[in-house]
Amino acid sequence: MGQIATITPAQYELLNMLSCLTHEEDIAALKSVIVQFLNSRLQKEIDRLWDNGDLTDEKVAQWSHEHMRTPYRPIP
């Protein structure tokens, strides 16, 4: 059946802080900051993979030929 979701202390603190955001402009600004943060983290990981040789031009070119969609099965 259903699972009971639990909130971590960090999630609780974030929810408390976010409850103060009531204007759309503030929400959009926060979203922009979060996107920039995640982009920075992703770029650092990509650079690490590239420096280690785990990511190469050949591997990126190979991805362009892969079919990565999720196979869907009909609902019985």
N, C-alpha and C. Protein backbone atom coordinates (compact mmCIF):
# COMPACT_ATOMS: atom_id res chain seq x y z
N MET A 1 0.83 -1.18 0.00
CA MET A 1 0.00 0.00 0.00
C MET A 1 0.88 1.24 0.00
N GLY A 2 0.46 2.26 0.74
CA GLY A 2 1.18 3.52 0.75
C GLY A 2 2.35 3.52 1.71
N GLN A 3 3.30 4.36 1.44
CA GLN A 3 4.45 4.51 2.32
C GLN A 3 4.31 5.83 3.07
N ILE A 4 4.84 5.86 4.26
CA ILE A 4 4.85 7.09 5.05
C ILE A 4 6.15 7.81 4.73
N ALA A 5 6.03 9.04 4.22
CA ALA A 5 7.22 9.82 3.89
C ALA A 5 7.73 10.51 5.15
N THR A 6 9.03 10.50 5.31
CA THR A 6 9.62 11.22 6.43
C THR A 6 10.45 12.37 5.88
N ILE A 7 10.52 13.43 6.63
CA ILE A 7 11.28 14.61 6.22
C ILE A 7 12.53 14.68 7.08
N THR A 8 13.65 14.90 6.42
CA THR A 8 14.91 15.05 7.16
C THR A 8 14.95 16.42 7.83
N PRO A 9 15.80 16.58 8.82
CA PRO A 9 15.92 17.90 9.45
C PRO A 9 16.28 19.01 8.44
N ALA A 10 17.13 18.70 7.47
CA ALA A 10 17.50 19.70 6.47
C ALA A 10 16.29 20.07 5.61
N GLN A 11 15.49 19.10 5.22
CA GLN A 11 14.29 19.37 4.44
C GLN A 11 13.31 20.22 5.23
N TYR A 12 13.19 19.94 6.52
CA TYR A 12 12.30 20.70 7.39
C TYR A 12 12.72 22.17 7.46
N GLU A 13 14.03 22.40 7.62
CA GLU A 13 14.54 23.76 7.67
C GLU A 13 14.30 24.50 6.36
N LEU A 14 14.52 23.82 5.25
CA LEU A 14 14.26 24.45 3.94
C LEU A 14 12.79 24.79 3.77
N LEU A 15 11.92 23.90 4.17
CA LEU A 15 10.49 24.18 4.06
C LEU A 15 10.10 25.39 4.91
N ASN A 16 10.67 25.49 6.09
CA ASN A 16 10.40 26.66 6.93
C ASN A 16 10.85 27.94 6.26
N MET A 17 12.03 27.93 5.67
CA MET A 17 12.52 29.13 4.99
C MET A 17 11.68 29.45 3.76
N LEU A 18 11.31 28.43 3.01
CA LEU A 18 10.54 28.64 1.78
C LEU A 18 9.13 29.13 2.06
N SER A 19 8.62 28.88 3.23
CA SER A 19 7.27 29.34 3.55
C SER A 19 7.18 30.86 3.56
N CYS A 20 8.30 31.53 3.65
CA CYS A 20 8.32 32.99 3.65
C CYS A 20 8.23 33.57 2.23
N LEU A 21 8.47 32.76 1.23
CA LEU A 21 8.44 33.25 -0.15
C LEU A 21 7.00 33.26 -0.65
N THR A 22 6.46 34.43 -0.85
CA THR A 22 5.08 34.53 -1.29
C THR A 22 4.95 35.22 -2.64
N HIS A 23 5.98 35.91 -3.09
CA HIS A 23 5.93 36.63 -4.36
C HIS A 23 6.54 35.78 -5.47
N GLU A 24 5.90 35.81 -6.62
CA GLU A 24 6.38 35.03 -7.77
C GLU A 24 7.81 35.40 -8.15
N GLU A 25 8.15 36.68 -8.00
CA GLU A 25 9.50 37.13 -8.37
C GLU A 25 10.55 36.48 -7.46
N ASP A 26 10.22 36.35 -6.18
CA ASP A 26 11.15 35.71 -5.25
C ASP A 26 11.32 34.23 -5.56
N ILE A 27 10.23 33.59 -5.90
CA ILE A 27 10.28 32.17 -6.24
C ILE A 27 11.11 31.97 -7.50
N ALA A 28 10.91 32.83 -8.50
CA ALA A 28 11.69 32.74 -9.75
C ALA A 28 13.17 32.98 -9.48
N ALA A 29 13.49 33.94 -8.61
CA ALA A 29 14.88 34.22 -8.28
C ALA A 29 15.53 33.03 -7.58
N LEU A 30 14.80 32.42 -6.64
CA LEU A 30 15.33 31.25 -5.95
C LEU A 30 15.55 30.11 -6.92
N LYS A 31 14.60 29.90 -7.82
CA LYS A 31 14.73 28.84 -8.81
C LYS A 31 15.98 29.06 -9.66
N SER A 32 16.23 30.31 -10.04
CA SER A 32 17.41 30.63 -10.83
C SER A 32 18.70 30.30 -10.07
N VAL A 33 18.74 30.63 -8.79
CA VAL A 33 19.92 30.34 -7.97
C VAL A 33 20.13 28.82 -7.87
N ILE A 34 19.06 28.08 -7.68
CA ILE A 34 19.18 26.62 -7.57
C ILE A 34 19.66 26.02 -8.89
N VAL A 35 19.13 26.51 -10.00
CA VAL A 35 19.56 26.00 -11.31
C VAL A 35 21.04 26.29 -11.53
N GLN A 36 21.48 27.49 -11.17
CA GLN A 36 22.91 27.83 -11.31
C GLN A 36 23.77 26.94 -10.43
N PHE A 37 23.33 26.66 -9.21
CA PHE A 37 24.06 25.79 -8.30
C PHE A 37 24.19 24.38 -8.88
N LEU A 38 23.06 23.83 -9.35
CA LEU A 38 23.09 22.47 -9.91
C LEU A 38 23.92 22.41 -11.19
N ASN A 39 23.85 23.46 -12.00
CA ASN A 39 24.65 23.52 -13.21
C ASN A 39 26.15 23.51 -12.87
N SER A 40 26.52 24.27 -11.85
CA SER A 40 27.91 24.31 -11.42
C SER A 40 28.39 22.94 -10.95
N ARG A 41 27.56 22.26 -10.16
CA ARG A 41 27.90 20.92 -9.69
C ARG A 41 28.06 19.94 -10.86
N LEU A 42 27.12 20.02 -11.81
CA LEU A 42 27.17 19.14 -12.97
C LEU A 42 28.42 19.39 -13.80
N GLN A 43 28.75 20.67 -14.01
CA GLN A 43 29.94 21.00 -14.80
C GLN A 43 31.20 20.48 -14.13
N LYS A 44 31.28 20.58 -12.80
CA LYS A 44 32.44 20.06 -12.08
C LYS A 44 32.56 18.55 -12.27
N GLU A 45 31.43 17.84 -12.24
CA GLU A 45 31.46 16.39 -12.42
C GLU A 45 31.85 16.02 -13.85
N ILE A 46 31.34 16.76 -14.81
CA ILE A 46 31.71 16.51 -16.20
C ILE A 46 33.21 16.74 -16.38
N ASP A 47 33.73 17.83 -15.82
CA ASP A 47 35.17 18.10 -15.91
C ASP A 47 35.98 16.98 -15.26
N ARG A 48 35.51 16.47 -14.12
CA ARG A 48 36.22 15.38 -13.45
C ARG A 48 36.24 14.12 -14.32
N LEU A 49 35.09 13.80 -14.91
CA LEU A 49 35.02 12.62 -15.78
C LEU A 49 35.93 12.79 -17.00
N TRP A 50 35.95 14.00 -17.54
CA TRP A 50 36.78 14.28 -18.71
C TRP A 50 38.26 14.14 -18.35
N ASP A 51 38.65 14.72 -17.21
CA ASP A 51 40.05 14.66 -16.77
C ASP A 51 40.49 13.23 -16.48
N ASN A 52 39.57 12.39 -15.97
CA ASN A 52 39.90 11.00 -15.67
C ASN A 52 39.90 10.12 -16.90
N GLY A 53 39.39 10.63 -18.02
CA GLY A 53 39.31 9.83 -19.23
C GLY A 53 38.05 8.98 -19.31
N ASP A 54 37.15 9.13 -18.35
CA ASP A 54 35.90 8.38 -18.38
C ASP A 54 34.93 8.95 -19.41
N LEU A 55 35.13 10.22 -19.77
CA LEU A 55 34.29 10.88 -20.76
C LEU A 55 35.20 11.37 -21.87
N THR A 56 34.88 10.97 -23.11
CA THR A 56 35.71 11.34 -24.27
C THR A 56 34.82 11.81 -25.41
N ASP A 57 35.45 12.40 -26.42
CA ASP A 57 34.70 12.81 -27.61
C ASP A 57 34.02 11.61 -28.26
N GLU A 58 34.71 10.48 -28.26
CA GLU A 58 34.15 9.28 -28.89
C GLU A 58 32.90 8.81 -28.15
N LYS A 59 32.93 8.85 -26.82
CA LYS A 59 31.79 8.40 -26.03
C LYS A 59 30.59 9.33 -26.26
N VAL A 60 30.85 10.63 -26.32
CA VAL A 60 29.77 11.60 -26.56
C VAL A 60 29.19 11.37 -27.95
N ALA A 61 30.03 11.13 -28.95
CA ALA A 61 29.55 10.86 -30.31
C ALA A 61 28.73 9.58 -30.34
N GLN A 62 29.13 8.58 -29.58
CA GLN A 62 28.40 7.31 -29.52
C GLN A 62 27.00 7.51 -28.97
N TRP A 63 26.84 8.41 -27.99
CA TRP A 63 25.53 8.68 -27.40
C TRP A 63 24.53 9.18 -28.43
N SER A 64 25.03 9.89 -29.45
CA SER A 64 24.10 10.44 -30.44
C SER A 64 23.42 9.35 -31.26
N HIS A 65 23.94 8.14 -31.20
CA HIS A 65 23.36 7.03 -31.96
C HIS A 65 22.55 6.07 -31.07
N GLU A 66 22.51 6.33 -29.78
CA GLU A 66 21.80 5.44 -28.85
C GLU A 66 20.33 5.81 -28.76
N HIS A 67 19.53 4.80 -28.57
CA HIS A 67 18.10 4.98 -28.34
C HIS A 67 17.88 4.78 -26.85
N MET A 68 17.69 5.88 -26.12
CA MET A 68 17.68 5.81 -24.66
C MET A 68 16.29 6.01 -24.07
N ARG A 69 15.26 5.91 -24.87
CA ARG A 69 13.92 6.08 -24.33
C ARG A 69 13.50 4.87 -23.52
N THR A 70 12.64 5.11 -22.57
CA THR A 70 12.13 4.03 -21.73
C THR A 70 11.15 3.18 -22.55
N PRO A 71 11.36 1.86 -22.57
CA PRO A 71 10.39 1.02 -23.28
C PRO A 71 9.10 0.91 -22.44
N TYR A 72 8.01 1.20 -23.07
CA TYR A 72 6.73 1.13 -22.37
C TYR A 72 5.99 -0.14 -22.76
N ARG A 73 5.39 -0.75 -21.77
CA ARG A 73 4.59 -1.95 -22.02
C ARG A 73 3.13 -1.57 -21.90
N PRO A 74 2.29 -2.20 -22.70
CA PRO A 74 0.86 -1.93 -22.56
C PRO A 74 0.36 -2.33 -21.18
N ILE A 75 -0.54 -1.56 -20.66
CA ILE A 75 -1.14 -1.88 -19.36
C ILE A 75 -2.11 -3.04 -19.57
N PRO A 76 -1.95 -4.12 -18.80
CA PRO A 76 -2.84 -5.29 -18.98
C PRO A 76 -4.25 -4.99 -18.52
